[in-house]
Amino acid sequence: MRRRGRAEPGGARSEPQASEGDRLPEAEHSTTARLPVTMIWSYVREMDNWAPFLRGYQSHEKQSDTDSIWVLKGDVGMMTRTVKFHVHIDEWAEPSRVRFTLKGLNEPMQGGGEFRLEPYEDAGAAPAPAQPGWFARVVRWLYRLFAGKTERAAGAGAGPGAGMSRLSFRLRVTPGGPMGPMVDALMKPLMLPVAEELADRIMADLEKRHAQQT
């Protein structure tokens, strides 16, 4: 059964899309900022802007407007793995959604995700509060303790209001092969912190750029 995540103060939302007992590692994080949707879209649609913010990023190479090769490096238990992914953009729905799929080239993995953008001015759009599991909260705390927390502009993550926008990032990864179940168990607790970190880093960089222009 899908369990919704905790609503962060002022509108940011985190949703572990799979419970601790589910097979599929998937997570979603939403955060808000007083920035125009068009500005966020222009930034997100160009992967060169935010690719280095992804945890474990090593490199990426564009092959076309819809295809690219990404190299990520990360620790899985006691092992350090370097994974090369082919990423394909399935949908460009300007200025509200980018949907993609990914496939491992040197590891048996596949998955996908999306960025969603929307105005966040109506109080009726506020998400209902919810709580992730205790284990997800502990992992998030440990992740932030060692990786650090992204510094955001004053008022970031606020609730709905004039000029507010909401960015949501969802990520799903399915490991395969003989080691699939073990990799799955090790990856699952890290999915939510990774999604949170990427969305917050994107917004923090945008807030910095916006402040420099005003």
N, C-alpha and C. Protein backbone atom coordinates (compact mmCIF):
# COMPACT_ATOMS: atom_id res chain seq x y z
N MET A 1 0.85 -1.19 0.00
CA MET A 1 0.00 0.00 0.00
C MET A 1 0.88 1.23 0.00
N ARG A 2 0.56 2.22 -0.85
CA ARG A 2 1.35 3.44 -0.94
C ARG A 2 1.14 4.29 0.30
N ARG A 3 2.23 4.82 0.86
CA ARG A 3 2.12 5.67 2.02
C ARG A 3 2.62 7.06 1.65
N ARG A 4 1.82 8.08 1.88
CA ARG A 4 2.21 9.44 1.58
C ARG A 4 3.21 9.93 2.61
N GLY A 5 4.05 10.85 2.17
CA GLY A 5 5.12 11.33 3.03
C GLY A 5 4.69 12.53 3.85
N ARG A 6 5.62 13.10 4.56
CA ARG A 6 5.35 14.19 5.48
C ARG A 6 5.27 15.50 4.73
N ALA A 7 4.31 16.31 5.08
CA ALA A 7 4.23 17.66 4.52
C ALA A 7 5.19 18.55 5.29
N GLU A 8 6.16 19.12 4.58
CA GLU A 8 7.14 19.98 5.21
C GLU A 8 6.47 21.30 5.60
N PRO A 9 7.05 22.02 6.56
CA PRO A 9 6.47 23.30 6.97
C PRO A 9 6.32 24.23 5.78
N GLY A 10 5.13 24.83 5.66
CA GLY A 10 4.90 25.84 4.64
C GLY A 10 4.68 25.31 3.25
N GLY A 11 4.54 24.02 3.05
CA GLY A 11 4.15 23.55 1.73
C GLY A 11 5.08 22.55 1.09
N ALA A 12 6.36 22.47 1.48
CA ALA A 12 7.23 21.46 0.90
C ALA A 12 6.73 20.11 1.34
N ARG A 13 6.79 19.15 0.45
CA ARG A 13 6.22 17.85 0.74
C ARG A 13 7.17 16.75 0.32
N SER A 14 7.27 15.72 1.13
CA SER A 14 8.09 14.58 0.79
C SER A 14 7.22 13.34 0.81
N GLU A 15 7.34 12.53 -0.24
CA GLU A 15 6.50 11.36 -0.34
C GLU A 15 7.32 10.13 -0.68
N PRO A 16 7.66 9.27 0.30
CA PRO A 16 8.25 8.00 -0.05
C PRO A 16 7.19 7.16 -0.72
N GLN A 17 7.32 6.90 -2.01
CA GLN A 17 6.28 6.26 -2.77
C GLN A 17 6.24 4.74 -2.56
N ALA A 18 7.13 4.22 -1.76
CA ALA A 18 7.10 2.80 -1.48
C ALA A 18 7.39 2.61 -0.01
N SER A 19 6.63 1.79 0.65
CA SER A 19 6.86 1.53 2.06
C SER A 19 8.06 0.63 2.23
N GLU A 20 8.52 0.51 3.49
CA GLU A 20 9.74 -0.26 3.72
C GLU A 20 9.63 -1.69 3.22
N GLY A 21 8.43 -2.22 3.14
CA GLY A 21 8.29 -3.61 2.72
C GLY A 21 8.06 -3.78 1.24
N ASP A 22 7.86 -2.69 0.48
CA ASP A 22 7.59 -2.79 -0.94
C ASP A 22 8.86 -3.09 -1.71
N ARG A 23 8.69 -3.54 -2.95
CA ARG A 23 9.82 -3.95 -3.77
C ARG A 23 10.45 -2.76 -4.51
N LEU A 24 9.66 -1.75 -4.81
CA LEU A 24 10.11 -0.72 -5.72
C LEU A 24 10.62 0.52 -5.00
N PRO A 25 11.91 0.89 -5.17
CA PRO A 25 12.41 2.13 -4.58
C PRO A 25 11.92 3.32 -5.38
N GLU A 26 11.12 4.16 -4.76
CA GLU A 26 10.60 5.35 -5.42
C GLU A 26 10.34 6.41 -4.37
N ALA A 27 10.59 7.66 -4.73
CA ALA A 27 10.38 8.75 -3.78
C ALA A 27 10.00 10.00 -4.53
N GLU A 28 9.31 10.90 -3.83
CA GLU A 28 8.94 12.18 -4.40
C GLU A 28 9.11 13.26 -3.35
N HIS A 29 9.60 14.41 -3.81
CA HIS A 29 9.75 15.55 -2.91
C HIS A 29 9.23 16.80 -3.60
N SER A 30 8.48 17.62 -2.87
CA SER A 30 7.98 18.89 -3.39
C SER A 30 8.47 20.02 -2.50
N THR A 31 8.83 21.14 -3.14
CA THR A 31 9.24 22.31 -2.39
C THR A 31 8.75 23.56 -3.12
N THR A 32 8.68 24.67 -2.41
CA THR A 32 8.11 25.88 -2.99
C THR A 32 9.09 27.04 -2.91
N ALA A 33 8.83 28.05 -3.73
CA ALA A 33 9.66 29.26 -3.74
C ALA A 33 8.85 30.40 -4.35
N ARG A 34 9.23 31.61 -4.00
CA ARG A 34 8.57 32.79 -4.59
C ARG A 34 9.29 33.13 -5.88
N LEU A 35 9.06 32.31 -6.89
CA LEU A 35 9.67 32.47 -8.20
C LEU A 35 8.63 32.17 -9.27
N PRO A 36 8.72 32.79 -10.45
CA PRO A 36 7.78 32.50 -11.52
C PRO A 36 7.98 31.08 -12.06
N VAL A 37 6.87 30.43 -12.41
CA VAL A 37 6.94 29.10 -13.00
C VAL A 37 7.79 29.11 -14.27
N THR A 38 7.66 30.16 -15.07
CA THR A 38 8.42 30.23 -16.32
C THR A 38 9.93 30.27 -16.08
N MET A 39 10.35 30.91 -15.01
CA MET A 39 11.77 30.97 -14.68
C MET A 39 12.28 29.59 -14.27
N ILE A 40 11.51 28.89 -13.45
CA ILE A 40 11.92 27.55 -13.02
C ILE A 40 11.96 26.61 -14.21
N TRP A 41 10.96 26.70 -15.09
CA TRP A 41 10.92 25.83 -16.28
C TRP A 41 12.14 26.04 -17.16
N SER A 42 12.48 27.28 -17.43
CA SER A 42 13.63 27.58 -18.29
C SER A 42 14.91 26.98 -17.72
N TYR A 43 15.00 26.93 -16.41
CA TYR A 43 16.17 26.38 -15.72
C TYR A 43 16.17 24.85 -15.78
N VAL A 44 15.03 24.25 -15.44
CA VAL A 44 14.95 22.79 -15.33
C VAL A 44 15.08 22.11 -16.69
N ARG A 45 14.54 22.72 -17.73
CA ARG A 45 14.55 22.07 -19.04
C ARG A 45 15.96 21.97 -19.62
N GLU A 46 16.92 22.73 -19.08
CA GLU A 46 18.31 22.65 -19.51
C GLU A 46 19.11 21.88 -18.46
N MET A 47 19.36 20.61 -18.72
CA MET A 47 19.98 19.74 -17.72
C MET A 47 21.37 20.19 -17.29
N ASP A 48 22.07 20.95 -18.14
CA ASP A 48 23.40 21.43 -17.75
C ASP A 48 23.33 22.28 -16.49
N ASN A 49 22.18 22.93 -16.25
CA ASN A 49 22.05 23.80 -15.08
C ASN A 49 22.07 23.03 -13.77
N TRP A 50 21.42 21.84 -13.76
CA TRP A 50 21.22 21.16 -12.48
C TRP A 50 21.86 19.78 -12.37
N ALA A 51 22.38 19.26 -13.46
CA ALA A 51 22.96 17.90 -13.41
C ALA A 51 23.99 17.72 -12.30
N PRO A 52 24.91 18.68 -12.08
CA PRO A 52 25.92 18.48 -11.03
C PRO A 52 25.34 18.46 -9.61
N PHE A 53 24.07 18.84 -9.45
CA PHE A 53 23.46 18.83 -8.12
C PHE A 53 23.01 17.43 -7.70
N LEU A 54 22.96 16.50 -8.63
CA LEU A 54 22.52 15.15 -8.31
C LEU A 54 23.62 14.42 -7.56
N ARG A 55 23.26 13.84 -6.42
CA ARG A 55 24.24 13.15 -5.58
C ARG A 55 24.95 12.05 -6.38
N GLY A 56 26.28 12.04 -6.33
CA GLY A 56 27.07 11.04 -7.03
C GLY A 56 27.36 11.38 -8.48
N TYR A 57 26.96 12.58 -8.93
CA TYR A 57 27.15 12.96 -10.32
C TYR A 57 28.63 12.95 -10.71
N GLN A 58 28.92 12.34 -11.85
CA GLN A 58 30.27 12.34 -12.42
C GLN A 58 30.31 13.09 -13.75
N SER A 59 29.36 12.78 -14.62
CA SER A 59 29.34 13.44 -15.91
C SER A 59 28.02 13.14 -16.62
N HIS A 60 27.73 13.93 -17.65
CA HIS A 60 26.62 13.62 -18.55
C HIS A 60 26.98 14.11 -19.95
N GLU A 61 26.43 13.44 -20.93
CA GLU A 61 26.70 13.78 -22.33
C GLU A 61 25.40 13.74 -23.12
N LYS A 62 25.07 14.85 -23.74
CA LYS A 62 23.85 14.91 -24.55
C LYS A 62 24.10 14.23 -25.89
N GLN A 63 23.14 13.37 -26.27
CA GLN A 63 23.20 12.74 -27.58
C GLN A 63 22.22 13.38 -28.55
N SER A 64 21.14 13.92 -28.01
CA SER A 64 20.12 14.61 -28.80
C SER A 64 19.29 15.45 -27.85
N ASP A 65 18.21 16.04 -28.35
CA ASP A 65 17.34 16.83 -27.50
C ASP A 65 16.61 15.98 -26.47
N THR A 66 16.52 14.67 -26.72
CA THR A 66 15.76 13.80 -25.83
C THR A 66 16.59 12.69 -25.19
N ASP A 67 17.82 12.52 -25.60
CA ASP A 67 18.63 11.41 -25.09
C ASP A 67 19.98 11.90 -24.58
N SER A 68 20.42 11.27 -23.48
CA SER A 68 21.71 11.62 -22.89
C SER A 68 22.25 10.42 -22.12
N ILE A 69 23.55 10.45 -21.86
CA ILE A 69 24.23 9.41 -21.08
C ILE A 69 24.74 10.05 -19.79
N TRP A 70 24.38 9.45 -18.66
CA TRP A 70 24.78 9.96 -17.35
C TRP A 70 25.66 8.94 -16.64
N VAL A 71 26.65 9.45 -15.91
CA VAL A 71 27.51 8.60 -15.09
C VAL A 71 27.40 9.06 -13.64
N LEU A 72 26.97 8.15 -12.76
CA LEU A 72 26.82 8.43 -11.34
C LEU A 72 27.66 7.45 -10.54
N LYS A 73 28.16 7.92 -9.41
CA LYS A 73 28.97 7.07 -8.54
C LYS A 73 28.42 7.16 -7.13
N GLY A 74 28.25 6.01 -6.51
CA GLY A 74 27.70 6.00 -5.16
C GLY A 74 28.07 4.74 -4.41
N ASP A 75 27.85 4.80 -3.11
CA ASP A 75 28.14 3.65 -2.25
C ASP A 75 26.87 2.83 -2.06
N VAL A 76 26.99 1.53 -2.28
CA VAL A 76 25.90 0.59 -2.03
C VAL A 76 26.41 -0.40 -1.01
N GLY A 77 26.06 -0.17 0.23
CA GLY A 77 26.60 -1.00 1.30
C GLY A 77 28.10 -0.76 1.42
N MET A 78 28.88 -1.83 1.33
CA MET A 78 30.34 -1.72 1.43
C MET A 78 30.99 -1.52 0.07
N MET A 79 30.17 -1.45 -1.00
CA MET A 79 30.72 -1.36 -2.35
C MET A 79 30.51 0.04 -2.91
N THR A 80 31.48 0.50 -3.69
CA THR A 80 31.33 1.74 -4.45
C THR A 80 31.07 1.37 -5.89
N ARG A 81 29.96 1.84 -6.42
CA ARG A 81 29.55 1.47 -7.77
C ARG A 81 29.50 2.73 -8.65
N THR A 82 29.99 2.58 -9.86
CA THR A 82 29.85 3.62 -10.87
C THR A 82 28.88 3.10 -11.92
N VAL A 83 27.78 3.81 -12.10
CA VAL A 83 26.71 3.34 -12.97
C VAL A 83 26.53 4.32 -14.12
N LYS A 84 26.42 3.78 -15.32
CA LYS A 84 26.17 4.59 -16.51
C LYS A 84 24.73 4.36 -16.95
N PHE A 85 23.97 5.45 -17.11
CA PHE A 85 22.56 5.38 -17.49
C PHE A 85 22.33 6.04 -18.85
N HIS A 86 21.43 5.44 -19.60
CA HIS A 86 20.86 6.12 -20.76
C HIS A 86 19.54 6.73 -20.31
N VAL A 87 19.40 8.04 -20.48
CA VAL A 87 18.20 8.75 -20.06
C VAL A 87 17.47 9.26 -21.30
N HIS A 88 16.19 8.96 -21.37
CA HIS A 88 15.37 9.39 -22.50
C HIS A 88 14.22 10.26 -22.01
N ILE A 89 14.06 11.42 -22.59
CA ILE A 89 12.95 12.30 -22.25
C ILE A 89 11.70 11.81 -22.98
N ASP A 90 10.71 11.39 -22.22
CA ASP A 90 9.47 10.88 -22.81
C ASP A 90 8.46 11.99 -23.08
N GLU A 91 8.53 13.06 -22.31
CA GLU A 91 7.53 14.11 -22.46
C GLU A 91 8.08 15.47 -22.05
N TRP A 92 7.89 16.45 -22.93
CA TRP A 92 8.13 17.84 -22.60
C TRP A 92 6.76 18.51 -22.61
N ALA A 93 6.22 18.84 -21.47
CA ALA A 93 4.91 19.49 -21.40
C ALA A 93 5.12 20.88 -20.81
N GLU A 94 5.61 21.78 -21.64
CA GLU A 94 5.94 23.14 -21.20
C GLU A 94 4.69 23.89 -20.77
N PRO A 95 4.72 24.59 -19.63
CA PRO A 95 5.82 24.70 -18.66
C PRO A 95 5.54 23.94 -17.38
N SER A 96 4.97 22.75 -17.49
CA SER A 96 4.50 22.08 -16.28
C SER A 96 5.15 20.74 -15.97
N ARG A 97 5.70 20.04 -16.97
CA ARG A 97 6.20 18.69 -16.66
C ARG A 97 7.27 18.23 -17.64
N VAL A 98 8.28 17.57 -17.07
CA VAL A 98 9.28 16.83 -17.84
C VAL A 98 9.28 15.40 -17.31
N ARG A 99 9.00 14.44 -18.18
CA ARG A 99 8.95 13.04 -17.75
C ARG A 99 10.03 12.26 -18.49
N PHE A 100 10.76 11.37 -17.77
CA PHE A 100 11.88 10.66 -18.37
C PHE A 100 11.93 9.21 -17.92
N THR A 101 12.61 8.39 -18.69
CA THR A 101 12.91 7.01 -18.31
C THR A 101 14.43 6.84 -18.35
N LEU A 102 14.93 5.89 -17.59
CA LEU A 102 16.36 5.63 -17.57
C LEU A 102 16.62 4.12 -17.59
N LYS A 103 17.77 3.77 -18.14
CA LYS A 103 18.17 2.36 -18.25
C LYS A 103 19.67 2.25 -18.01
N GLY A 104 20.06 1.33 -17.12
CA GLY A 104 21.47 1.12 -16.85
C GLY A 104 22.18 0.50 -18.05
N LEU A 105 23.36 1.01 -18.36
CA LEU A 105 24.14 0.48 -19.46
C LEU A 105 25.20 -0.51 -18.99
N ASN A 106 25.69 -0.33 -17.78
CA ASN A 106 26.69 -1.27 -17.26
C ASN A 106 26.20 -2.00 -16.01
N GLU A 107 24.97 -1.70 -15.59
CA GLU A 107 24.35 -2.37 -14.46
C GLU A 107 22.89 -2.65 -14.82
N PRO A 108 22.33 -3.76 -14.33
CA PRO A 108 20.93 -4.07 -14.65
C PRO A 108 19.96 -3.23 -13.83
N MET A 109 19.73 -1.99 -14.26
CA MET A 109 18.81 -1.09 -13.58
C MET A 109 17.95 -0.37 -14.60
N GLN A 110 16.74 -0.05 -14.20
CA GLN A 110 15.87 0.77 -15.02
C GLN A 110 14.94 1.56 -14.11
N GLY A 111 14.36 2.59 -14.67
CA GLY A 111 13.47 3.41 -13.85
C GLY A 111 13.03 4.64 -14.61
N GLY A 112 12.74 5.68 -13.88
CA GLY A 112 12.27 6.91 -14.50
C GLY A 112 11.87 7.92 -13.44
N GLY A 113 11.26 8.98 -13.90
CA GLY A 113 10.83 10.01 -12.97
C GLY A 113 10.29 11.21 -13.71
N GLU A 114 10.08 12.29 -12.98
CA GLU A 114 9.56 13.50 -13.60
C GLU A 114 9.78 14.71 -12.71
N PHE A 115 9.84 15.87 -13.36
CA PHE A 115 9.76 17.16 -12.69
C PHE A 115 8.37 17.71 -13.00
N ARG A 116 7.71 18.26 -11.98
CA ARG A 116 6.42 18.91 -12.19
C ARG A 116 6.47 20.32 -11.62
N LEU A 117 5.89 21.24 -12.34
CA LEU A 117 5.86 22.65 -11.92
C LEU A 117 4.42 23.14 -11.95
N GLU A 118 4.07 23.96 -10.96
CA GLU A 118 2.73 24.53 -10.92
C GLU A 118 2.72 25.79 -10.07
N PRO A 119 1.83 26.72 -10.38
CA PRO A 119 1.65 27.87 -9.50
C PRO A 119 1.14 27.39 -8.15
N TYR A 120 1.54 28.09 -7.10
CA TYR A 120 1.15 27.67 -5.74
C TYR A 120 0.60 28.88 -4.99
N GLU A 121 -0.43 29.46 -5.58
CA GLU A 121 -1.01 30.68 -5.02
C GLU A 121 -2.31 30.44 -4.29
N ASP A 122 -2.96 29.30 -4.58
CA ASP A 122 -4.26 29.00 -3.99
C ASP A 122 -4.09 28.11 -2.77
N ALA A 123 -4.65 28.52 -1.64
CA ALA A 123 -4.54 27.72 -0.41
C ALA A 123 -5.15 26.35 -0.59
N GLY A 124 -6.09 26.20 -1.50
CA GLY A 124 -6.71 24.90 -1.73
C GLY A 124 -5.76 23.90 -2.35
N ALA A 125 -4.61 24.37 -2.87
CA ALA A 125 -3.64 23.46 -3.48
C ALA A 125 -2.69 22.87 -2.46
N ALA A 126 -2.78 23.31 -1.19
CA ALA A 126 -1.86 22.81 -0.16
C ALA A 126 -2.05 21.32 0.06
N PRO A 127 -0.97 20.54 0.13
CA PRO A 127 -1.09 19.10 0.34
C PRO A 127 -1.53 18.77 1.75
N ALA A 128 -2.20 17.64 1.90
CA ALA A 128 -2.61 17.20 3.22
C ALA A 128 -1.41 16.68 4.00
N PRO A 129 -1.27 17.03 5.28
CA PRO A 129 -0.15 16.55 6.06
C PRO A 129 -0.13 15.04 6.15
N ALA A 130 1.06 14.48 6.13
CA ALA A 130 1.22 13.03 6.27
C ALA A 130 2.61 12.78 6.83
N GLN A 131 2.87 11.54 7.22
CA GLN A 131 4.13 11.21 7.86
C GLN A 131 4.78 10.01 7.17
N PRO A 132 6.10 10.08 6.88
CA PRO A 132 6.81 8.89 6.41
C PRO A 132 7.07 7.96 7.58
N GLY A 133 7.55 6.76 7.29
CA GLY A 133 7.86 5.81 8.34
C GLY A 133 9.04 6.27 9.19
N TRP A 134 9.16 5.68 10.36
CA TRP A 134 10.22 6.09 11.29
C TRP A 134 11.60 5.84 10.70
N PHE A 135 11.74 4.75 9.95
CA PHE A 135 13.05 4.43 9.38
C PHE A 135 13.44 5.47 8.34
N ALA A 136 12.47 5.92 7.52
CA ALA A 136 12.74 6.96 6.52
C ALA A 136 13.17 8.26 7.19
N ARG A 137 12.57 8.58 8.34
CA ARG A 137 12.94 9.81 9.04
C ARG A 137 14.36 9.71 9.60
N VAL A 138 14.73 8.54 10.10
CA VAL A 138 16.08 8.35 10.64
C VAL A 138 17.12 8.46 9.53
N VAL A 139 16.85 7.82 8.39
CA VAL A 139 17.78 7.87 7.27
C VAL A 139 17.93 9.30 6.76
N ARG A 140 16.82 10.03 6.67
CA ARG A 140 16.87 11.43 6.24
C ARG A 140 17.75 12.25 7.17
N TRP A 141 17.60 12.05 8.48
CA TRP A 141 18.39 12.78 9.46
C TRP A 141 19.87 12.46 9.31
N LEU A 142 20.21 11.19 9.15
CA LEU A 142 21.61 10.79 8.98
C LEU A 142 22.18 11.33 7.68
N TYR A 143 21.39 11.30 6.64
CA TYR A 143 21.84 11.80 5.34
C TYR A 143 22.19 13.28 5.43
N ARG A 144 21.30 14.06 6.04
CA ARG A 144 21.55 15.49 6.18
C ARG A 144 22.71 15.77 7.12
N LEU A 145 22.89 14.90 8.13
CA LEU A 145 23.98 15.09 9.07
C LEU A 145 25.32 15.00 8.36
N PHE A 146 25.47 14.02 7.47
CA PHE A 146 26.76 13.81 6.80
C PHE A 146 26.87 14.60 5.49
N ALA A 147 25.76 14.76 4.76
CA ALA A 147 25.83 15.45 3.47
C ALA A 147 25.59 16.94 3.60
N GLY A 148 24.99 17.36 4.72
CA GLY A 148 24.66 18.77 4.90
C GLY A 148 23.29 19.09 4.33
N LYS A 149 22.73 20.18 4.79
CA LYS A 149 21.41 20.60 4.34
C LYS A 149 21.56 21.83 3.44
N THR A 150 20.83 21.82 2.33
CA THR A 150 20.91 22.92 1.38
C THR A 150 20.34 24.19 1.98
N GLU A 151 21.10 25.28 1.90
CA GLU A 151 20.64 26.56 2.41
C GLU A 151 19.72 27.21 1.40
N ARG A 152 18.55 27.61 1.87
CA ARG A 152 17.55 28.24 1.01
C ARG A 152 17.34 29.69 1.41
N ALA A 153 16.75 30.46 0.50
CA ALA A 153 16.47 31.86 0.76
C ALA A 153 15.41 32.00 1.84
N ALA A 154 15.38 33.15 2.49
CA ALA A 154 14.36 33.40 3.51
C ALA A 154 12.98 33.29 2.88
N GLY A 155 12.09 32.56 3.56
CA GLY A 155 10.74 32.39 3.04
C GLY A 155 10.60 31.20 2.12
N ALA A 156 11.72 30.50 1.82
CA ALA A 156 11.64 29.32 0.97
C ALA A 156 10.82 28.24 1.66
N GLY A 157 10.08 27.48 0.87
CA GLY A 157 9.26 26.42 1.43
C GLY A 157 7.99 26.94 2.07
N ALA A 158 7.65 28.22 1.80
CA ALA A 158 6.46 28.80 2.42
C ALA A 158 5.21 28.23 1.78
N GLY A 159 4.08 28.50 2.42
CA GLY A 159 2.80 28.03 1.93
C GLY A 159 2.33 28.84 0.73
N PRO A 160 1.14 28.54 0.23
CA PRO A 160 0.64 29.21 -0.96
C PRO A 160 0.48 30.71 -0.76
N GLY A 161 0.70 31.45 -1.84
CA GLY A 161 0.59 32.91 -1.78
C GLY A 161 0.93 33.51 -3.12
N ALA A 162 0.79 34.81 -3.23
CA ALA A 162 1.05 35.50 -4.48
C ALA A 162 2.50 35.29 -4.93
N GLY A 163 2.67 34.88 -6.18
CA GLY A 163 4.00 34.70 -6.74
C GLY A 163 4.68 33.39 -6.37
N MET A 164 4.01 32.50 -5.64
CA MET A 164 4.62 31.24 -5.23
C MET A 164 4.47 30.18 -6.32
N SER A 165 5.48 29.32 -6.42
CA SER A 165 5.46 28.18 -7.34
C SER A 165 5.92 26.94 -6.59
N ARG A 166 5.50 25.78 -7.09
CA ARG A 166 5.90 24.52 -6.45
C ARG A 166 6.60 23.63 -7.47
N LEU A 167 7.74 23.10 -7.06
CA LEU A 167 8.49 22.14 -7.87
C LEU A 167 8.45 20.78 -7.18
N SER A 168 8.07 19.75 -7.94
CA SER A 168 8.06 18.39 -7.42
C SER A 168 8.99 17.53 -8.27
N PHE A 169 9.77 16.70 -7.60
CA PHE A 169 10.68 15.79 -8.30
C PHE A 169 10.39 14.37 -7.83
N ARG A 170 10.12 13.49 -8.77
CA ARG A 170 9.86 12.08 -8.46
C ARG A 170 10.91 11.22 -9.14
N LEU A 171 11.42 10.23 -8.43
CA LEU A 171 12.46 9.34 -8.95
C LEU A 171 12.14 7.90 -8.60
N ARG A 172 12.28 7.02 -9.58
CA ARG A 172 12.03 5.58 -9.39
C ARG A 172 13.18 4.81 -10.02
N VAL A 173 13.73 3.85 -9.28
CA VAL A 173 14.81 3.01 -9.80
C VAL A 173 14.54 1.57 -9.41
N THR A 174 14.65 0.66 -10.39
CA THR A 174 14.43 -0.76 -10.15
C THR A 174 15.70 -1.53 -10.49
N PRO A 175 16.44 -2.03 -9.50
CA PRO A 175 17.64 -2.83 -9.78
C PRO A 175 17.25 -4.24 -10.20
N GLY A 176 18.07 -4.83 -11.07
CA GLY A 176 17.81 -6.20 -11.51
C GLY A 176 19.03 -7.07 -11.30
N GLY A 177 19.02 -8.24 -11.92
CA GLY A 177 20.13 -9.17 -11.80
C GLY A 177 20.14 -9.92 -10.48
N PRO A 178 21.13 -10.82 -10.30
CA PRO A 178 21.20 -11.65 -9.09
C PRO A 178 21.29 -10.83 -7.80
N MET A 179 21.94 -9.66 -7.88
CA MET A 179 22.10 -8.84 -6.68
C MET A 179 20.97 -7.81 -6.53
N GLY A 180 19.97 -7.89 -7.40
CA GLY A 180 18.87 -6.94 -7.38
C GLY A 180 18.21 -6.76 -6.02
N PRO A 181 17.82 -7.84 -5.35
CA PRO A 181 17.15 -7.68 -4.05
C PRO A 181 18.03 -6.99 -3.01
N MET A 182 19.33 -7.29 -3.00
CA MET A 182 20.22 -6.65 -2.04
C MET A 182 20.40 -5.16 -2.36
N VAL A 183 20.64 -4.86 -3.64
CA VAL A 183 20.79 -3.47 -4.04
C VAL A 183 19.52 -2.69 -3.77
N ASP A 184 18.39 -3.32 -4.03
CA ASP A 184 17.09 -2.71 -3.76
C ASP A 184 16.96 -2.30 -2.30
N ALA A 185 17.31 -3.22 -1.40
CA ALA A 185 17.19 -2.96 0.04
C ALA A 185 18.12 -1.84 0.49
N LEU A 186 19.30 -1.75 -0.13
CA LEU A 186 20.26 -0.72 0.25
C LEU A 186 19.90 0.65 -0.32
N MET A 187 19.32 0.66 -1.52
CA MET A 187 18.98 1.91 -2.17
C MET A 187 17.73 2.55 -1.60
N LYS A 188 16.77 1.73 -1.24
CA LYS A 188 15.44 2.23 -0.89
C LYS A 188 15.45 3.35 0.15
N PRO A 189 16.19 3.21 1.26
CA PRO A 189 16.16 4.29 2.27
C PRO A 189 16.76 5.60 1.79
N LEU A 190 17.60 5.55 0.73
CA LEU A 190 18.29 6.75 0.27
C LEU A 190 17.53 7.53 -0.80
N MET A 191 16.47 6.93 -1.34
CA MET A 191 15.77 7.57 -2.45
C MET A 191 15.16 8.91 -2.06
N LEU A 192 14.50 8.96 -0.90
CA LEU A 192 13.85 10.20 -0.48
C LEU A 192 14.86 11.32 -0.22
N PRO A 193 15.94 11.08 0.55
CA PRO A 193 16.93 12.15 0.74
C PRO A 193 17.55 12.65 -0.55
N VAL A 194 17.77 11.76 -1.51
CA VAL A 194 18.35 12.17 -2.79
C VAL A 194 17.37 13.06 -3.55
N ALA A 195 16.09 12.68 -3.57
CA ALA A 195 15.07 13.49 -4.24
C ALA A 195 14.94 14.86 -3.57
N GLU A 196 14.94 14.88 -2.25
CA GLU A 196 14.86 16.14 -1.51
C GLU A 196 16.05 17.04 -1.84
N GLU A 197 17.23 16.46 -1.82
CA GLU A 197 18.45 17.25 -2.03
C GLU A 197 18.47 17.87 -3.42
N LEU A 198 18.09 17.10 -4.44
CA LEU A 198 18.13 17.64 -5.80
C LEU A 198 17.13 18.78 -5.97
N ALA A 199 15.89 18.59 -5.52
CA ALA A 199 14.87 19.63 -5.65
C ALA A 199 15.28 20.89 -4.89
N ASP A 200 15.82 20.73 -3.69
CA ASP A 200 16.21 21.88 -2.89
C ASP A 200 17.42 22.60 -3.48
N ARG A 201 18.36 21.86 -4.05
CA ARG A 201 19.53 22.49 -4.67
C ARG A 201 19.12 23.30 -5.90
N ILE A 202 18.18 22.76 -6.67
CA ILE A 202 17.70 23.49 -7.84
C ILE A 202 17.07 24.81 -7.42
N MET A 203 16.17 24.74 -6.43
CA MET A 203 15.49 25.95 -5.98
C MET A 203 16.47 26.94 -5.34
N ALA A 204 17.45 26.44 -4.59
CA ALA A 204 18.42 27.33 -3.96
C ALA A 204 19.23 28.09 -5.00
N ASP A 205 19.64 27.40 -6.07
CA ASP A 205 20.39 28.07 -7.12
C ASP A 205 19.53 29.10 -7.85
N LEU A 206 18.27 28.76 -8.09
CA LEU A 206 17.36 29.70 -8.73
C LEU A 206 17.12 30.93 -7.85
N GLU A 207 16.96 30.71 -6.56
CA GLU A 207 16.75 31.83 -5.63
C GLU A 207 17.97 32.75 -5.62
N LYS A 208 19.15 32.17 -5.69
CA LYS A 208 20.38 32.97 -5.71
C LYS A 208 20.45 33.80 -6.99
N ARG A 209 20.14 33.17 -8.12
CA ARG A 209 20.17 33.89 -9.39
C ARG A 209 19.13 35.01 -9.41
N HIS A 210 17.96 34.72 -8.88
CA HIS A 210 16.89 35.71 -8.86
C HIS A 210 17.27 36.91 -7.99
N ALA A 211 17.90 36.63 -6.86
CA ALA A 211 18.32 37.70 -5.97
C ALA A 211 19.36 38.60 -6.62
N GLN A 212 20.24 38.01 -7.44
CA GLN A 212 21.28 38.78 -8.12
C GLN A 212 20.71 39.68 -9.22
N GLN A 213 19.54 39.29 -9.73
CA GLN A 213 18.93 40.05 -10.81
C GLN A 213 18.04 41.18 -10.31
N THR A 214 17.69 41.13 -9.01
CA THR A 214 16.76 42.12 -8.47
C THR A 214 17.48 43.13 -7.58
